[in-house]
Every structure is written in C-alpha cells, then in structure tokens.
C-alpha atoms as a PDB file:
ATOM      1  CA  MET A   1      -3.915  -5.471  -1.391  1.00  0.00           C
ATOM      2  CA  LEU A   2      -6.747  -3.816   0.559  1.00  0.00           C
ATOM      3  CA  ILE A   3      -5.481  -5.666   4.058  1.00  0.00           C
ATOM      4  CA  GLY A   4      -1.908  -4.021   2.844  1.00  0.00           C
ATOM      5  CA  THR A   5      -3.559  -0.607   2.543  1.00  0.00           C
ATOM      6  CA  ILE A   6      -5.286  -0.831   5.888  1.00  0.00           C
ATOM      7  CA  ALA A   7      -2.206  -2.413   7.626  1.00  0.00           C
ATOM      8  CA  GLN A   8      -0.123   0.621   6.435  1.00  0.00           C
ATOM      9  CA  ALA A   9      -2.808   3.434   7.330  1.00  0.00           C
ATOM     10  CA  ASN A  10      -2.722   1.710  10.943  1.00  0.00           C
ATOM     11  CA  ALA A  11       1.275   2.125  10.894  1.00  0.00           C
ATOM     12  CA  ALA A  12       3.134   3.632  13.488  1.00  0.00           C
ATOM     13  CA  CYS A  13       5.140   6.501  12.000  1.00  0.00           C
ATOM     14  CA  ASN A  14       9.012   6.523  13.531  1.00  0.00           C
ATOM     15  CA  ALA A  15      10.433   9.968  12.344  1.00  0.00           C
ATOM     16  CA  SER A  16      13.535   9.040  14.364  1.00  0.00           C
ATOM     17  CA  LEU A  17      14.949   6.477  11.450  1.00  0.00           C
ATOM     18  CA  VAL A  18      14.795   9.064   8.979  1.00  0.00           C
ATOM     19  CA  GLN A  19      16.450  12.219  10.858  1.00  0.00           C
ATOM     20  CA  ASN A  20      19.479  11.425   8.914  1.00  0.00           C
ATOM     21  CA  LEU A  21      17.563  13.291   5.555  1.00  0.00           C
ATOM     22  CA  VAL A  22      18.274  16.494   7.149  1.00  0.00           C
ATOM     23  CA  GLY A  23      20.218  18.765   5.090  1.00  0.00           C
ATOM     24  CA  THR A  24      19.328  16.569   1.954  1.00  0.00           C
ATOM     25  CA  THR A  25      17.161  17.760  -0.911  1.00  0.00           C
ATOM     26  CA  ALA A  26      13.416  17.025  -0.858  1.00  0.00           C
ATOM     27  CA  THR A  27      13.036  15.099  -4.169  1.00  0.00           C
ATOM     28  CA  PHE A  28      10.543  12.778  -5.157  1.00  0.00           C
ATOM     29  CA  ASN A  29      13.073   9.797  -4.652  1.00  0.00           C
ATOM     30  CA  THR A  30      14.232  11.411  -1.294  1.00  0.00           C
ATOM     31  CA  VAL A  31      10.593  11.888   0.220  1.00  0.00           C
ATOM     32  CA  ASN A  32       9.298   8.196  -1.071  1.00  0.00           C
ATOM     33  CA  ASN A  33      12.463   6.817   0.609  1.00  0.00           C
ATOM     34  CA  ALA A  34      11.330   8.611   3.804  1.00  0.00           C
ATOM     35  CA  ILE A  35       7.849   7.635   3.584  1.00  0.00           C
ATOM     36  CA  GLN A  36       8.861   4.075   3.572  1.00  0.00           C
ATOM     37  CA  THR A  37      11.852   4.154   5.989  1.00  0.00           C
ATOM     38  CA  ALA A  38       9.683   5.672   8.610  1.00  0.00           C
ATOM     39  CA  GLY A  39       6.708   3.633   8.097  1.00  0.00           C
ATOM     40  CA  ALA A  40       4.734   6.229   7.313  1.00  0.00           C
ATOM     41  CA  GLY A  41       0.927   5.808   6.007  1.00  0.00           C
ATOM     42  CA  SER A  42       1.047   9.570   4.486  1.00  0.00           C
ATOM     43  CA  THR A  43       3.297  12.440   4.221  1.00  0.00           C
ATOM     44  CA  ARG A  44       3.076  16.475   3.487  1.00  0.00           C
ATOM     45  CA  VAL A  45       5.576  18.407   2.619  1.00  0.00           C
ATOM     46  CA  ILE A  46       5.972  21.930   4.261  1.00  0.00           C
ATOM     47  CA  GLU A  47       7.963  24.660   2.852  1.00  0.00           C
ATOM     48  CA  GLU A  48       9.221  27.691   4.681  1.00  0.00           C
ATOM     49  CA  SER A  49       7.432  30.330   2.502  1.00  0.00           C
ATOM     50  CA  ASN A  50       4.205  28.720   3.104  1.00  0.00           C
ATOM     51  CA  PRO A  51       3.960  27.341   6.647  1.00  0.00           C
ATOM     52  CA  ILE A  52       0.525  26.874   6.205  1.00  0.00           C
ATOM     53  CA  MET A  53      -0.802  23.401   7.725  1.00  0.00           C
ATOM     54  CA  THR A  54      -3.676  21.693   9.061  1.00  0.00           C
ATOM     55  CA  LYS A  55      -3.892  21.159  13.051  1.00  0.00           C
ATOM     56  CA  ASP A  56      -5.195  17.569  12.795  1.00  0.00           C
ATOM     57  CA  PHE A  57      -3.007  15.310  14.209  1.00  0.00           C
ATOM     58  CA  VAL A  58      -2.397  12.299  12.243  1.00  0.00           C
ATOM     59  CA  PRO A  59       0.036   9.743  13.934  1.00  0.00           C
ATOM     60  CA  ASN A  60       0.976   7.616  10.879  1.00  0.00           C
ATOM     61  CA  ARG A  61       1.402  10.681   8.843  1.00  0.00           C
ATOM     62  CA  LEU A  62       5.244  11.855   8.096  1.00  0.00           C
ATOM     63  CA  THR A  63       5.733  15.735   7.921  1.00  0.00           C
ATOM     64  CA  ILE A  64       8.750  17.087   6.209  1.00  0.00           C
ATOM     65  CA  PHE A  65       9.626  20.641   6.634  1.00  0.00           C
ATOM     66  CA  THR A  66      12.287  22.451   3.826  1.00  0.00           C
ATOM     67  CA  ASP A  67      13.721  25.797   3.596  1.00  0.00           C
ATOM     68  CA  LEU A  68      13.406  27.855   0.272  1.00  0.00           C
ATOM     69  CA  ASN A  69      16.026  25.777  -1.082  1.00  0.00           C
ATOM     70  CA  ASN A  70      13.865  22.593  -0.850  1.00  0.00           C
ATOM     71  CA  LYS A  71      16.197  20.980   1.411  1.00  0.00           C
ATOM     72  CA  ILE A  72      14.737  19.235   4.576  1.00  0.00           C
ATOM     73  CA  LYS A  73      15.109  21.150   7.682  1.00  0.00           C
ATOM     74  CA  SER A  74      13.156  18.820  10.102  1.00  0.00           C
ATOM     75  CA  LEU A  75      10.884  15.771  10.061  1.00  0.00           C
ATOM     76  CA  ALA A  76       8.065  14.575  12.359  1.00  0.00           C
ATOM     77  CA  CYS A  77       5.029  12.293  12.661  1.00  0.00           C
ATOM     78  CA  ASN A  78       1.875  14.070  13.156  1.00  0.00           C
END
C-alpha cells in the first residue's frame, strides 16, 4: 500500500483529461472522480469569493476553480 501511495504522490497530473467537467457542480463525487481521472496526488478547490491560495507549485496537485454557485470554472495542475 505504501508503494502505491508513493507512486501516486509522484504521478503526473493531467488537467486536460478533466476539462469536460467545466460547468458542472463540484460535488464530493465530481472532485474525487476528477482526482482519479487527472491522475492527481492531491487537490484543492478554490471558490471565486475566496481566491486566496498558496503560490507553491505542486505538479501532481489538481486545482479546481469554482464560481459562487460551486460550478467548476476551470481546472489546472499546479
């Protein structure tokens, strides 16, 4: 199990695989599916009313940007 965790942490994130989610609601299931599909090791959801985020670059992290209604506006690996 530890080997799988290490492999996932080092995996490359590919946001192009989840661009079809733009316009959908960022539910728990949608976010989890996005993580799996993009191959991300971690994620964060940033709502436009609270755009504060760290500036560190984490290549295997999927960042999901949402509007005030929790609709996905964009997704990026960073």
